[in-house]
Amino acid sequence: MKNLLIYQTSEYDCGPVSLINGIRYLYDREEIYPDLVKFIMLYCMDSYNDAGEPCKHGTSPAAMNYMASWLNHFGQSKCFPIHCDYLSGESVSLAREAGITSALRSGGVVVLRLFLDVPHYVLLTGVEEDQILLFDPYYEEADDPDLDEEYSEAGISFVWDQPKKANRRIAIERLDRTGHGYYEMGETACREALIMYSTKERAV
């Protein structure tokens, strides 16, 4: 049975939660090893904030790159059907034939670094014409009077009826912007993505 996707517990765990959501999306609950969940949480949230407090600067690009390698090794060691690719810089593109969109059209998922004013990780799960389906682990309610105005900008919509797949629908044009506004990937140099496939579903 496939699990519901989950929300982050603190202000800082969007990275590991998005990785775990990728696992929950790709695999049935009965297939998921408990040590897989344990080590995702252990190896992420590796950054310190300006006050030297651990974990309070979230998950670094280096940790995400390491997780791609670790998950591939885990898959080989446990005969667990997973394959990951880490992308950065110019290779993080939403062009139709680029790695990210090809992955989504082939049944894979993508942990993507974008901005909600600050760097933030989400899980991309699908493409619908000129929009991307994603699950944002930062919980918000559209009718909350304190909801940030940026959520009502063009190209952002809430999805309520797909709790195992998506809670946002974002225009590709918006996601591909070089700014740091809500659901923008930012300048090329800061872009990163981790593609995850189930090798049961796709030959790698």
N, C-alpha and C. Protein backbone atom coordinates (compact mmCIF):
# COMPACT_ATOMS: atom_id res chain seq x y z
N MET A 1 0.83 -1.20 0.00
CA MET A 1 0.00 0.00 0.00
C MET A 1 0.87 1.25 0.00
N LYS A 2 0.52 2.23 -0.82
CA LYS A 2 1.27 3.49 -0.86
C LYS A 2 0.83 4.38 0.31
N ASN A 3 1.82 5.04 0.92
CA ASN A 3 1.56 5.95 2.03
C ASN A 3 1.13 7.33 1.54
N LEU A 4 0.46 8.07 2.42
CA LEU A 4 0.28 9.50 2.21
C LEU A 4 1.64 10.18 2.31
N LEU A 5 1.81 11.27 1.58
CA LEU A 5 3.03 12.07 1.73
C LEU A 5 2.91 12.91 3.00
N ILE A 6 4.06 13.30 3.55
CA ILE A 6 4.08 13.89 4.88
C ILE A 6 4.67 15.30 4.87
N TYR A 7 4.43 16.01 5.97
CA TYR A 7 4.91 17.38 6.15
C TYR A 7 6.07 17.42 7.14
N GLN A 8 6.89 18.45 7.00
CA GLN A 8 8.03 18.59 7.88
C GLN A 8 7.58 18.91 9.30
N THR A 9 8.42 18.52 10.26
CA THR A 9 8.11 18.67 11.67
C THR A 9 8.64 19.98 12.23
N SER A 10 9.71 20.50 11.64
CA SER A 10 10.33 21.74 12.10
C SER A 10 10.50 22.69 10.91
N GLU A 11 11.16 23.80 11.15
CA GLU A 11 11.44 24.75 10.07
C GLU A 11 12.59 24.28 9.18
N TYR A 12 13.25 23.19 9.53
CA TYR A 12 14.54 22.87 8.91
C TYR A 12 14.62 21.52 8.20
N ASP A 13 13.61 20.67 8.31
CA ASP A 13 13.74 19.30 7.81
C ASP A 13 13.06 19.07 6.47
N CYS A 14 12.94 20.11 5.64
CA CYS A 14 12.32 19.94 4.31
C CYS A 14 13.12 18.99 3.43
N GLY A 15 14.46 18.98 3.59
CA GLY A 15 15.30 18.11 2.76
C GLY A 15 15.05 16.63 3.01
N PRO A 16 15.26 16.15 4.24
CA PRO A 16 15.02 14.73 4.49
C PRO A 16 13.56 14.33 4.31
N VAL A 17 12.62 15.21 4.66
CA VAL A 17 11.21 14.87 4.48
C VAL A 17 10.88 14.71 2.99
N SER A 18 11.45 15.57 2.13
CA SER A 18 11.21 15.43 0.69
C SER A 18 11.84 14.15 0.15
N LEU A 19 13.01 13.76 0.66
CA LEU A 19 13.59 12.48 0.27
C LEU A 19 12.70 11.32 0.71
N ILE A 20 12.23 11.35 1.93
CA ILE A 20 11.36 10.29 2.42
C ILE A 20 10.05 10.27 1.63
N ASN A 21 9.54 11.45 1.28
CA ASN A 21 8.34 11.48 0.44
C ASN A 21 8.59 10.84 -0.92
N GLY A 22 9.79 11.02 -1.46
CA GLY A 22 10.13 10.35 -2.70
C GLY A 22 10.06 8.84 -2.56
N ILE A 23 10.57 8.32 -1.44
CA ILE A 23 10.51 6.90 -1.17
C ILE A 23 9.05 6.45 -0.99
N ARG A 24 8.27 7.23 -0.26
CA ARG A 24 6.86 6.88 -0.03
C ARG A 24 6.08 6.88 -1.34
N TYR A 25 6.42 7.80 -2.24
CA TYR A 25 5.72 7.88 -3.52
C TYR A 25 6.07 6.70 -4.43
N LEU A 26 7.33 6.30 -4.43
CA LEU A 26 7.78 5.27 -5.37
C LEU A 26 7.50 3.84 -4.93
N TYR A 27 7.40 3.62 -3.61
CA TYR A 27 7.35 2.25 -3.10
C TYR A 27 6.17 2.05 -2.14
N ASP A 28 5.68 0.81 -2.10
CA ASP A 28 4.68 0.44 -1.11
C ASP A 28 5.32 0.42 0.27
N ARG A 29 4.51 0.68 1.27
CA ARG A 29 5.00 0.72 2.65
C ARG A 29 5.73 -0.57 3.02
N GLU A 30 5.21 -1.72 2.57
CA GLU A 30 5.79 -3.00 2.92
C GLU A 30 7.19 -3.20 2.32
N GLU A 31 7.53 -2.43 1.31
CA GLU A 31 8.83 -2.56 0.65
C GLU A 31 9.93 -1.74 1.30
N ILE A 32 9.56 -0.76 2.14
CA ILE A 32 10.52 0.25 2.60
C ILE A 32 11.26 -0.24 3.85
N TYR A 33 12.58 -0.29 3.77
CA TYR A 33 13.41 -0.70 4.90
C TYR A 33 13.42 0.40 5.98
N PRO A 34 13.31 0.04 7.25
CA PRO A 34 13.36 1.06 8.29
C PRO A 34 14.71 1.77 8.37
N ASP A 35 15.81 1.06 8.06
CA ASP A 35 17.12 1.73 8.11
C ASP A 35 17.27 2.76 7.00
N LEU A 36 16.53 2.61 5.91
CA LEU A 36 16.53 3.62 4.85
C LEU A 36 16.01 4.94 5.40
N VAL A 37 14.90 4.88 6.12
CA VAL A 37 14.33 6.09 6.73
C VAL A 37 15.29 6.66 7.77
N LYS A 38 15.86 5.79 8.60
CA LYS A 38 16.77 6.23 9.66
C LYS A 38 17.96 7.01 9.10
N PHE A 39 18.59 6.48 8.06
CA PHE A 39 19.81 7.11 7.57
C PHE A 39 19.54 8.35 6.74
N ILE A 40 18.39 8.45 6.10
CA ILE A 40 18.04 9.70 5.44
C ILE A 40 17.98 10.83 6.48
N MET A 41 17.32 10.58 7.59
CA MET A 41 17.24 11.59 8.64
C MET A 41 18.61 11.88 9.25
N LEU A 42 19.44 10.87 9.36
CA LEU A 42 20.75 11.03 9.99
C LEU A 42 21.70 11.88 9.14
N TYR A 43 21.69 11.67 7.82
CA TYR A 43 22.68 12.31 6.97
C TYR A 43 22.28 13.69 6.47
N CYS A 44 21.02 14.07 6.64
CA CYS A 44 20.58 15.40 6.20
C CYS A 44 20.61 16.38 7.38
N MET A 45 20.13 17.59 7.18
CA MET A 45 20.19 18.66 8.19
C MET A 45 21.60 18.78 8.77
N ASP A 46 22.58 18.87 7.87
CA ASP A 46 23.98 18.88 8.26
C ASP A 46 24.57 20.27 8.44
N SER A 47 23.77 21.31 8.20
CA SER A 47 24.31 22.68 8.17
C SER A 47 24.09 23.41 9.50
N TYR A 48 25.01 24.34 9.79
CA TYR A 48 24.94 25.18 10.97
C TYR A 48 24.51 26.59 10.58
N ASN A 49 23.75 27.23 11.43
CA ASN A 49 23.39 28.62 11.15
C ASN A 49 24.49 29.57 11.60
N ASP A 50 24.27 30.87 11.44
CA ASP A 50 25.31 31.86 11.75
C ASP A 50 25.68 31.90 13.23
N ALA A 51 24.79 31.38 14.07
CA ALA A 51 25.06 31.33 15.51
C ALA A 51 25.75 30.02 15.92
N GLY A 52 26.07 29.19 14.93
CA GLY A 52 26.73 27.93 15.22
C GLY A 52 25.82 26.84 15.75
N GLU A 53 24.51 26.99 15.52
CA GLU A 53 23.56 25.99 16.00
C GLU A 53 23.41 24.88 14.95
N PRO A 54 23.58 23.63 15.36
CA PRO A 54 23.49 22.54 14.39
C PRO A 54 22.08 22.35 13.86
N CYS A 55 21.99 21.95 12.60
CA CYS A 55 20.74 21.59 11.91
C CYS A 55 19.89 22.79 11.52
N LYS A 56 20.15 23.97 12.07
CA LYS A 56 19.26 25.10 11.86
C LYS A 56 19.58 25.90 10.59
N HIS A 57 20.30 25.27 9.67
CA HIS A 57 20.46 25.83 8.32
C HIS A 57 20.08 24.78 7.28
N GLY A 58 19.33 23.77 7.77
CA GLY A 58 18.79 22.78 6.86
C GLY A 58 19.81 21.82 6.30
N THR A 59 19.56 21.39 5.06
CA THR A 59 20.36 20.37 4.38
C THR A 59 21.18 21.02 3.27
N SER A 60 22.47 20.75 3.26
CA SER A 60 23.36 21.37 2.28
C SER A 60 23.30 20.64 0.93
N PRO A 61 23.70 21.32 -0.16
CA PRO A 61 23.83 20.63 -1.45
C PRO A 61 24.79 19.45 -1.37
N ALA A 62 25.85 19.57 -0.58
CA ALA A 62 26.80 18.46 -0.44
C ALA A 62 26.13 17.23 0.15
N ALA A 63 25.23 17.45 1.12
CA ALA A 63 24.53 16.32 1.72
C ALA A 63 23.59 15.67 0.71
N MET A 64 22.92 16.47 -0.11
CA MET A 64 22.03 15.91 -1.13
C MET A 64 22.83 15.11 -2.16
N ASN A 65 23.97 15.62 -2.55
CA ASN A 65 24.83 14.90 -3.48
C ASN A 65 25.26 13.57 -2.86
N TYR A 66 25.64 13.61 -1.59
CA TYR A 66 26.02 12.38 -0.89
C TYR A 66 24.85 11.40 -0.83
N MET A 67 23.64 11.91 -0.58
CA MET A 67 22.48 11.04 -0.47
C MET A 67 22.21 10.30 -1.78
N ALA A 68 22.44 10.95 -2.91
CA ALA A 68 22.26 10.27 -4.19
C ALA A 68 23.20 9.07 -4.29
N SER A 69 24.47 9.28 -3.92
CA SER A 69 25.44 8.19 -3.95
C SER A 69 25.09 7.11 -2.92
N TRP A 70 24.70 7.54 -1.71
CA TRP A 70 24.38 6.59 -0.65
C TRP A 70 23.17 5.74 -1.03
N LEU A 71 22.14 6.35 -1.59
CA LEU A 71 20.95 5.60 -1.98
C LEU A 71 21.26 4.59 -3.07
N ASN A 72 22.12 4.96 -4.02
CA ASN A 72 22.52 4.00 -5.05
C ASN A 72 23.26 2.82 -4.44
N HIS A 73 24.17 3.11 -3.49
CA HIS A 73 24.91 2.04 -2.83
C HIS A 73 23.98 1.17 -1.99
N PHE A 74 23.04 1.81 -1.29
CA PHE A 74 22.05 1.08 -0.51
C PHE A 74 21.27 0.13 -1.42
N GLY A 75 20.86 0.63 -2.57
CA GLY A 75 20.11 -0.20 -3.50
C GLY A 75 20.89 -1.41 -3.97
N GLN A 76 22.18 -1.19 -4.27
CA GLN A 76 23.01 -2.30 -4.73
C GLN A 76 23.24 -3.32 -3.62
N SER A 77 23.48 -2.83 -2.39
CA SER A 77 23.78 -3.73 -1.27
C SER A 77 22.57 -4.53 -0.83
N LYS A 78 21.39 -3.92 -0.87
CA LYS A 78 20.18 -4.56 -0.37
C LYS A 78 19.30 -5.15 -1.48
N CYS A 79 19.75 -5.01 -2.73
CA CYS A 79 18.91 -5.40 -3.87
C CYS A 79 17.58 -4.66 -3.81
N PHE A 80 17.66 -3.39 -3.42
CA PHE A 80 16.48 -2.53 -3.36
C PHE A 80 16.41 -1.75 -4.66
N PRO A 81 15.27 -1.74 -5.34
CA PRO A 81 15.21 -1.22 -6.71
C PRO A 81 15.15 0.31 -6.79
N ILE A 82 16.30 0.95 -6.58
CA ILE A 82 16.36 2.40 -6.64
C ILE A 82 17.57 2.84 -7.44
N HIS A 83 17.40 3.95 -8.16
CA HIS A 83 18.54 4.60 -8.82
C HIS A 83 18.35 6.11 -8.71
N CYS A 84 19.44 6.81 -8.37
CA CYS A 84 19.40 8.27 -8.20
C CYS A 84 20.46 8.95 -9.05
N ASP A 85 20.15 10.16 -9.49
CA ASP A 85 21.10 11.03 -10.17
C ASP A 85 21.04 12.41 -9.53
N TYR A 86 22.21 12.97 -9.24
CA TYR A 86 22.28 14.31 -8.67
C TYR A 86 22.65 15.28 -9.77
N LEU A 87 21.89 16.36 -9.91
CA LEU A 87 22.14 17.39 -10.91
C LEU A 87 22.39 18.72 -10.22
N SER A 88 23.23 19.54 -10.86
CA SER A 88 23.45 20.89 -10.32
C SER A 88 23.75 21.85 -11.47
N GLY A 89 23.60 23.14 -11.16
CA GLY A 89 23.93 24.17 -12.13
C GLY A 89 23.08 24.11 -13.39
N GLU A 90 23.72 24.20 -14.56
CA GLU A 90 23.01 24.29 -15.83
C GLU A 90 22.20 23.04 -16.16
N SER A 91 22.54 21.91 -15.58
CA SER A 91 21.81 20.68 -15.87
C SER A 91 20.45 20.63 -15.18
N VAL A 92 20.20 21.56 -14.24
CA VAL A 92 18.89 21.64 -13.58
C VAL A 92 18.00 22.53 -14.44
N SER A 93 17.33 21.91 -15.40
CA SER A 93 16.55 22.61 -16.40
C SER A 93 15.17 21.97 -16.52
N LEU A 94 14.19 22.78 -16.90
CA LEU A 94 12.83 22.28 -17.11
C LEU A 94 12.46 22.21 -18.59
N ALA A 95 13.46 22.29 -19.45
CA ALA A 95 13.22 22.08 -20.87
C ALA A 95 12.61 20.70 -21.08
N ARG A 96 11.81 20.56 -22.12
CA ARG A 96 11.02 19.34 -22.32
C ARG A 96 11.87 18.07 -22.33
N GLU A 97 13.03 18.10 -22.92
CA GLU A 97 13.86 16.90 -23.02
C GLU A 97 14.95 16.86 -21.96
N ALA A 98 14.92 17.75 -20.99
CA ALA A 98 15.93 17.78 -19.94
C ALA A 98 15.72 16.63 -18.96
N GLY A 99 16.73 16.40 -18.11
CA GLY A 99 16.69 15.27 -17.19
C GLY A 99 15.51 15.29 -16.25
N ILE A 100 15.17 16.46 -15.72
CA ILE A 100 14.09 16.55 -14.74
C ILE A 100 12.74 16.18 -15.36
N THR A 101 12.40 16.81 -16.46
CA THR A 101 11.09 16.54 -17.07
C THR A 101 11.03 15.13 -17.65
N SER A 102 12.15 14.64 -18.19
CA SER A 102 12.18 13.25 -18.68
C SER A 102 11.94 12.28 -17.53
N ALA A 103 12.53 12.56 -16.38
CA ALA A 103 12.34 11.70 -15.21
C ALA A 103 10.88 11.69 -14.78
N LEU A 104 10.27 12.85 -14.73
CA LEU A 104 8.88 12.93 -14.29
C LEU A 104 7.95 12.21 -15.27
N ARG A 105 8.24 12.33 -16.55
CA ARG A 105 7.40 11.66 -17.55
C ARG A 105 7.62 10.15 -17.56
N SER A 106 8.72 9.70 -16.95
CA SER A 106 9.04 8.26 -16.92
C SER A 106 8.70 7.62 -15.59
N GLY A 107 7.99 8.34 -14.73
CA GLY A 107 7.57 7.77 -13.45
C GLY A 107 8.50 8.02 -12.30
N GLY A 108 9.57 8.78 -12.52
CA GLY A 108 10.47 9.13 -11.43
C GLY A 108 9.97 10.35 -10.67
N VAL A 109 10.69 10.70 -9.62
CA VAL A 109 10.40 11.91 -8.85
C VAL A 109 11.70 12.70 -8.70
N VAL A 110 11.55 13.97 -8.30
CA VAL A 110 12.71 14.85 -8.21
C VAL A 110 12.63 15.67 -6.93
N VAL A 111 13.64 15.54 -6.09
CA VAL A 111 13.79 16.45 -4.95
C VAL A 111 14.49 17.69 -5.47
N LEU A 112 13.80 18.82 -5.42
CA LEU A 112 14.29 20.05 -6.04
C LEU A 112 14.51 21.13 -5.00
N ARG A 113 15.61 21.83 -5.14
CA ARG A 113 15.87 23.00 -4.31
C ARG A 113 15.31 24.23 -5.02
N LEU A 114 14.43 24.94 -4.35
CA LEU A 114 13.89 26.19 -4.88
C LEU A 114 13.81 27.20 -3.75
N PHE A 115 13.02 28.23 -3.92
CA PHE A 115 12.96 29.27 -2.90
C PHE A 115 11.53 29.52 -2.45
N LEU A 116 11.37 29.69 -1.16
CA LEU A 116 10.21 30.34 -0.55
C LEU A 116 10.79 31.54 0.20
N ASP A 117 11.42 32.43 -0.55
CA ASP A 117 12.28 33.50 -0.05
C ASP A 117 13.61 32.94 0.42
N VAL A 118 13.60 31.82 1.13
CA VAL A 118 14.83 31.14 1.56
C VAL A 118 14.91 29.80 0.83
N PRO A 119 16.11 29.20 0.74
CA PRO A 119 16.21 27.90 0.07
C PRO A 119 15.32 26.86 0.74
N HIS A 120 14.73 26.00 -0.09
CA HIS A 120 13.70 25.06 0.40
C HIS A 120 13.64 23.88 -0.56
N TYR A 121 13.43 22.68 -0.01
CA TYR A 121 13.31 21.47 -0.83
C TYR A 121 11.86 21.03 -0.93
N VAL A 122 11.48 20.61 -2.14
CA VAL A 122 10.15 20.04 -2.40
C VAL A 122 10.33 18.79 -3.25
N LEU A 123 9.24 18.05 -3.44
CA LEU A 123 9.27 16.85 -4.28
C LEU A 123 8.42 17.07 -5.51
N LEU A 124 9.04 17.01 -6.70
CA LEU A 124 8.30 17.07 -7.96
C LEU A 124 7.81 15.66 -8.30
N THR A 125 6.53 15.55 -8.70
CA THR A 125 5.96 14.23 -8.96
C THR A 125 5.31 14.08 -10.33
N GLY A 126 5.14 15.18 -11.08
CA GLY A 126 4.49 15.03 -12.37
C GLY A 126 4.50 16.30 -13.19
N VAL A 127 4.16 16.15 -14.47
CA VAL A 127 4.07 17.27 -15.41
C VAL A 127 2.69 17.25 -16.03
N GLU A 128 2.03 18.41 -16.07
CA GLU A 128 0.75 18.56 -16.75
C GLU A 128 0.85 19.76 -17.69
N GLU A 129 1.10 19.49 -18.97
CA GLU A 129 1.24 20.54 -19.97
C GLU A 129 2.31 21.55 -19.53
N ASP A 130 1.92 22.77 -19.15
CA ASP A 130 2.91 23.78 -18.80
C ASP A 130 3.03 23.97 -17.29
N GLN A 131 2.66 22.93 -16.53
CA GLN A 131 2.72 23.01 -15.08
C GLN A 131 3.40 21.79 -14.48
N ILE A 132 3.97 21.99 -13.30
CA ILE A 132 4.61 20.91 -12.56
C ILE A 132 3.78 20.62 -11.32
N LEU A 133 3.53 19.33 -11.08
CA LEU A 133 2.92 18.91 -9.83
C LEU A 133 4.01 18.67 -8.80
N LEU A 134 3.82 19.18 -7.60
CA LEU A 134 4.82 18.98 -6.56
C LEU A 134 4.16 18.86 -5.20
N PHE A 135 4.91 18.26 -4.28
CA PHE A 135 4.47 18.21 -2.89
C PHE A 135 5.44 19.05 -2.07
N ASP A 136 4.90 20.13 -1.49
CA ASP A 136 5.67 21.01 -0.62
C ASP A 136 5.47 20.54 0.81
N PRO A 137 6.55 20.16 1.52
CA PRO A 137 6.39 19.63 2.87
C PRO A 137 6.12 20.69 3.93
N TYR A 138 6.13 21.98 3.52
CA TYR A 138 5.85 23.06 4.48
C TYR A 138 4.35 23.28 4.51
N TYR A 139 3.70 22.89 5.59
CA TYR A 139 2.25 22.88 5.66
C TYR A 139 1.67 24.29 5.68
N GLU A 140 0.70 24.52 4.80
CA GLU A 140 -0.03 25.79 4.75
C GLU A 140 -1.50 25.49 4.48
N GLU A 141 -2.37 26.39 4.91
CA GLU A 141 -3.80 26.29 4.61
C GLU A 141 -4.21 27.53 3.83
N ALA A 142 -4.88 27.32 2.72
CA ALA A 142 -5.20 28.43 1.82
C ALA A 142 -6.14 29.45 2.46
N ASP A 143 -6.95 29.01 3.44
CA ASP A 143 -7.88 29.94 4.07
C ASP A 143 -7.33 30.55 5.37
N ASP A 144 -6.06 30.34 5.65
CA ASP A 144 -5.43 30.93 6.83
C ASP A 144 -5.27 32.43 6.61
N PRO A 145 -5.82 33.28 7.49
CA PRO A 145 -5.70 34.73 7.28
C PRO A 145 -4.26 35.23 7.31
N ASP A 146 -3.35 34.43 7.87
CA ASP A 146 -1.94 34.81 7.92
C ASP A 146 -1.12 34.22 6.76
N LEU A 147 -1.80 33.58 5.81
CA LEU A 147 -1.09 33.01 4.67
C LEU A 147 -0.37 34.11 3.89
N ASP A 148 0.88 33.86 3.57
CA ASP A 148 1.67 34.87 2.85
C ASP A 148 1.03 35.21 1.51
N GLU A 149 1.05 36.48 1.16
CA GLU A 149 0.43 36.95 -0.08
C GLU A 149 1.05 36.30 -1.31
N GLU A 150 2.31 35.91 -1.21
CA GLU A 150 3.00 35.34 -2.37
C GLU A 150 2.33 34.06 -2.89
N TYR A 151 1.60 33.35 -2.02
CA TYR A 151 0.93 32.13 -2.46
C TYR A 151 -0.20 32.41 -3.45
N SER A 152 -0.66 33.63 -3.49
CA SER A 152 -1.76 33.97 -4.40
C SER A 152 -1.27 34.55 -5.72
N GLU A 153 0.04 34.58 -5.94
CA GLU A 153 0.58 35.11 -7.18
C GLU A 153 0.31 34.15 -8.34
N ALA A 154 0.38 34.69 -9.55
CA ALA A 154 0.12 33.90 -10.76
C ALA A 154 1.10 32.72 -10.85
N GLY A 155 0.56 31.59 -11.27
CA GLY A 155 1.41 30.42 -11.47
C GLY A 155 1.50 29.51 -10.27
N ILE A 156 0.80 29.83 -9.18
CA ILE A 156 0.79 28.99 -7.97
C ILE A 156 -0.65 28.62 -7.66
N SER A 157 -0.92 27.33 -7.53
CA SER A 157 -2.25 26.91 -7.09
C SER A 157 -2.12 25.74 -6.13
N PHE A 158 -3.05 25.66 -5.19
CA PHE A 158 -3.10 24.57 -4.23
C PHE A 158 -3.84 23.37 -4.84
N VAL A 159 -3.40 22.17 -4.46
CA VAL A 159 -4.04 20.92 -4.87
C VAL A 159 -4.49 20.21 -3.60
N TRP A 160 -5.77 19.87 -3.52
CA TRP A 160 -6.31 19.32 -2.27
C TRP A 160 -6.67 17.84 -2.36
N ASP A 161 -6.77 17.29 -3.57
CA ASP A 161 -7.34 15.97 -3.72
C ASP A 161 -6.33 14.89 -4.11
N GLN A 162 -5.01 15.16 -3.92
CA GLN A 162 -4.00 14.17 -4.29
C GLN A 162 -2.97 14.01 -3.17
N PRO A 163 -3.38 13.59 -1.96
CA PRO A 163 -2.47 13.55 -0.82
C PRO A 163 -1.32 12.56 -0.94
N LYS A 164 -1.39 11.67 -1.92
CA LYS A 164 -0.29 10.74 -2.15
C LYS A 164 0.61 11.20 -3.30
N LYS A 165 0.32 12.39 -3.84
CA LYS A 165 1.09 12.84 -4.99
C LYS A 165 1.48 14.32 -4.95
N ALA A 166 0.56 15.21 -4.69
CA ALA A 166 0.86 16.64 -4.85
C ALA A 166 -0.06 17.50 -4.01
N ASN A 167 0.48 18.66 -3.59
CA ASN A 167 -0.36 19.67 -2.95
C ASN A 167 -0.19 21.06 -3.58
N ARG A 168 0.62 21.14 -4.63
CA ARG A 168 0.78 22.39 -5.38
C ARG A 168 0.86 22.08 -6.86
N ARG A 169 0.43 23.04 -7.68
CA ARG A 169 0.59 23.00 -9.13
C ARG A 169 1.25 24.33 -9.49
N ILE A 170 2.48 24.25 -10.05
CA ILE A 170 3.28 25.44 -10.31
C ILE A 170 3.58 25.56 -11.80
N ALA A 171 3.38 26.75 -12.35
CA ALA A 171 3.69 26.98 -13.76
C ALA A 171 5.19 26.80 -13.99
N ILE A 172 5.52 26.10 -15.07
CA ILE A 172 6.93 25.88 -15.40
C ILE A 172 7.65 27.21 -15.57
N GLU A 173 6.98 28.18 -16.19
CA GLU A 173 7.60 29.50 -16.39
C GLU A 173 7.99 30.11 -15.05
N ARG A 174 7.17 29.96 -14.04
CA ARG A 174 7.48 30.51 -12.73
C ARG A 174 8.63 29.75 -12.07
N LEU A 175 8.55 28.43 -12.11
CA LEU A 175 9.57 27.60 -11.47
C LEU A 175 10.95 27.85 -12.07
N ASP A 176 11.00 28.18 -13.35
CA ASP A 176 12.27 28.35 -14.05
C ASP A 176 12.87 29.76 -13.88
N ARG A 177 12.22 30.62 -13.13
CA ARG A 177 12.74 31.97 -12.94
C ARG A 177 14.04 31.97 -12.14
N THR A 178 14.83 33.03 -12.31
CA THR A 178 16.13 33.12 -11.66
C THR A 178 16.09 33.93 -10.35
N GLY A 179 14.88 34.30 -9.91
CA GLY A 179 14.76 35.05 -8.67
C GLY A 179 14.63 34.14 -7.46
N HIS A 180 14.37 34.76 -6.31
CA HIS A 180 14.24 34.03 -5.06
C HIS A 180 12.83 34.15 -4.49
N GLY A 181 11.85 34.42 -5.37
CA GLY A 181 10.47 34.47 -4.93
C GLY A 181 9.91 33.08 -4.70
N TYR A 182 8.64 32.99 -4.33
CA TYR A 182 8.03 31.71 -4.02
C TYR A 182 8.00 30.80 -5.25
N TYR A 183 8.52 29.59 -5.09
CA TYR A 183 8.56 28.57 -6.13
C TYR A 183 9.32 29.02 -7.37
N GLU A 184 10.44 29.68 -7.16
CA GLU A 184 11.40 30.00 -8.22
C GLU A 184 12.70 29.27 -7.92
N MET A 185 13.35 28.72 -8.96
CA MET A 185 14.57 27.94 -8.74
C MET A 185 15.80 28.79 -8.51
N GLY A 186 15.75 30.06 -8.88
CA GLY A 186 16.91 30.92 -8.64
C GLY A 186 17.93 30.85 -9.76
N GLU A 187 19.02 31.56 -9.55
CA GLU A 187 20.07 31.62 -10.56
C GLU A 187 20.70 30.25 -10.79
N THR A 188 21.26 30.08 -11.98
CA THR A 188 21.77 28.77 -12.39
C THR A 188 22.76 28.20 -11.40
N ALA A 189 23.65 29.01 -10.86
CA ALA A 189 24.73 28.51 -10.00
C ALA A 189 24.22 27.85 -8.73
N CYS A 190 23.03 28.21 -8.27
CA CYS A 190 22.54 27.67 -6.99
C CYS A 190 21.56 26.52 -7.18
N ARG A 191 21.31 26.11 -8.40
CA ARG A 191 20.29 25.09 -8.64
C ARG A 191 20.82 23.68 -8.35
N GLU A 192 19.94 22.85 -7.80
CA GLU A 192 20.28 21.45 -7.58
C GLU A 192 19.02 20.61 -7.57
N ALA A 193 19.19 19.35 -7.93
CA ALA A 193 18.07 18.41 -7.97
C ALA A 193 18.59 17.00 -7.79
N LEU A 194 17.79 16.16 -7.14
CA LEU A 194 18.11 14.75 -6.98
C LEU A 194 16.96 13.95 -7.59
N ILE A 195 17.27 13.24 -8.67
CA ILE A 195 16.28 12.43 -9.36
C ILE A 195 16.28 11.02 -8.75
N MET A 196 15.07 10.49 -8.51
CA MET A 196 14.92 9.15 -7.94
C MET A 196 14.00 8.32 -8.84
N TYR A 197 14.44 7.10 -9.16
CA TYR A 197 13.63 6.15 -9.91
C TYR A 197 13.49 4.86 -9.14
N SER A 198 12.35 4.18 -9.32
CA SER A 198 12.26 2.78 -8.98
C SER A 198 12.69 1.97 -10.19
N THR A 199 13.70 1.15 -10.04
CA THR A 199 14.19 0.38 -11.19
C THR A 199 13.26 -0.77 -11.54
N LYS A 200 12.25 -1.01 -10.72
CA LYS A 200 11.21 -1.97 -11.11
C LYS A 200 10.36 -1.42 -12.23
N GLU A 201 10.22 -0.09 -12.25
CA GLU A 201 9.34 0.56 -13.20
C GLU A 201 10.08 1.06 -14.43
N ARG A 202 11.39 1.27 -14.30
CA ARG A 202 12.15 1.88 -15.39
C ARG A 202 13.52 1.25 -15.48
N ALA A 203 13.92 0.84 -16.67
CA ALA A 203 15.29 0.34 -16.87
C ALA A 203 16.24 1.52 -16.86
N VAL A 204 17.31 1.47 -16.04
CA VAL A 204 18.28 2.56 -15.93
C VAL A 204 19.53 2.22 -16.69
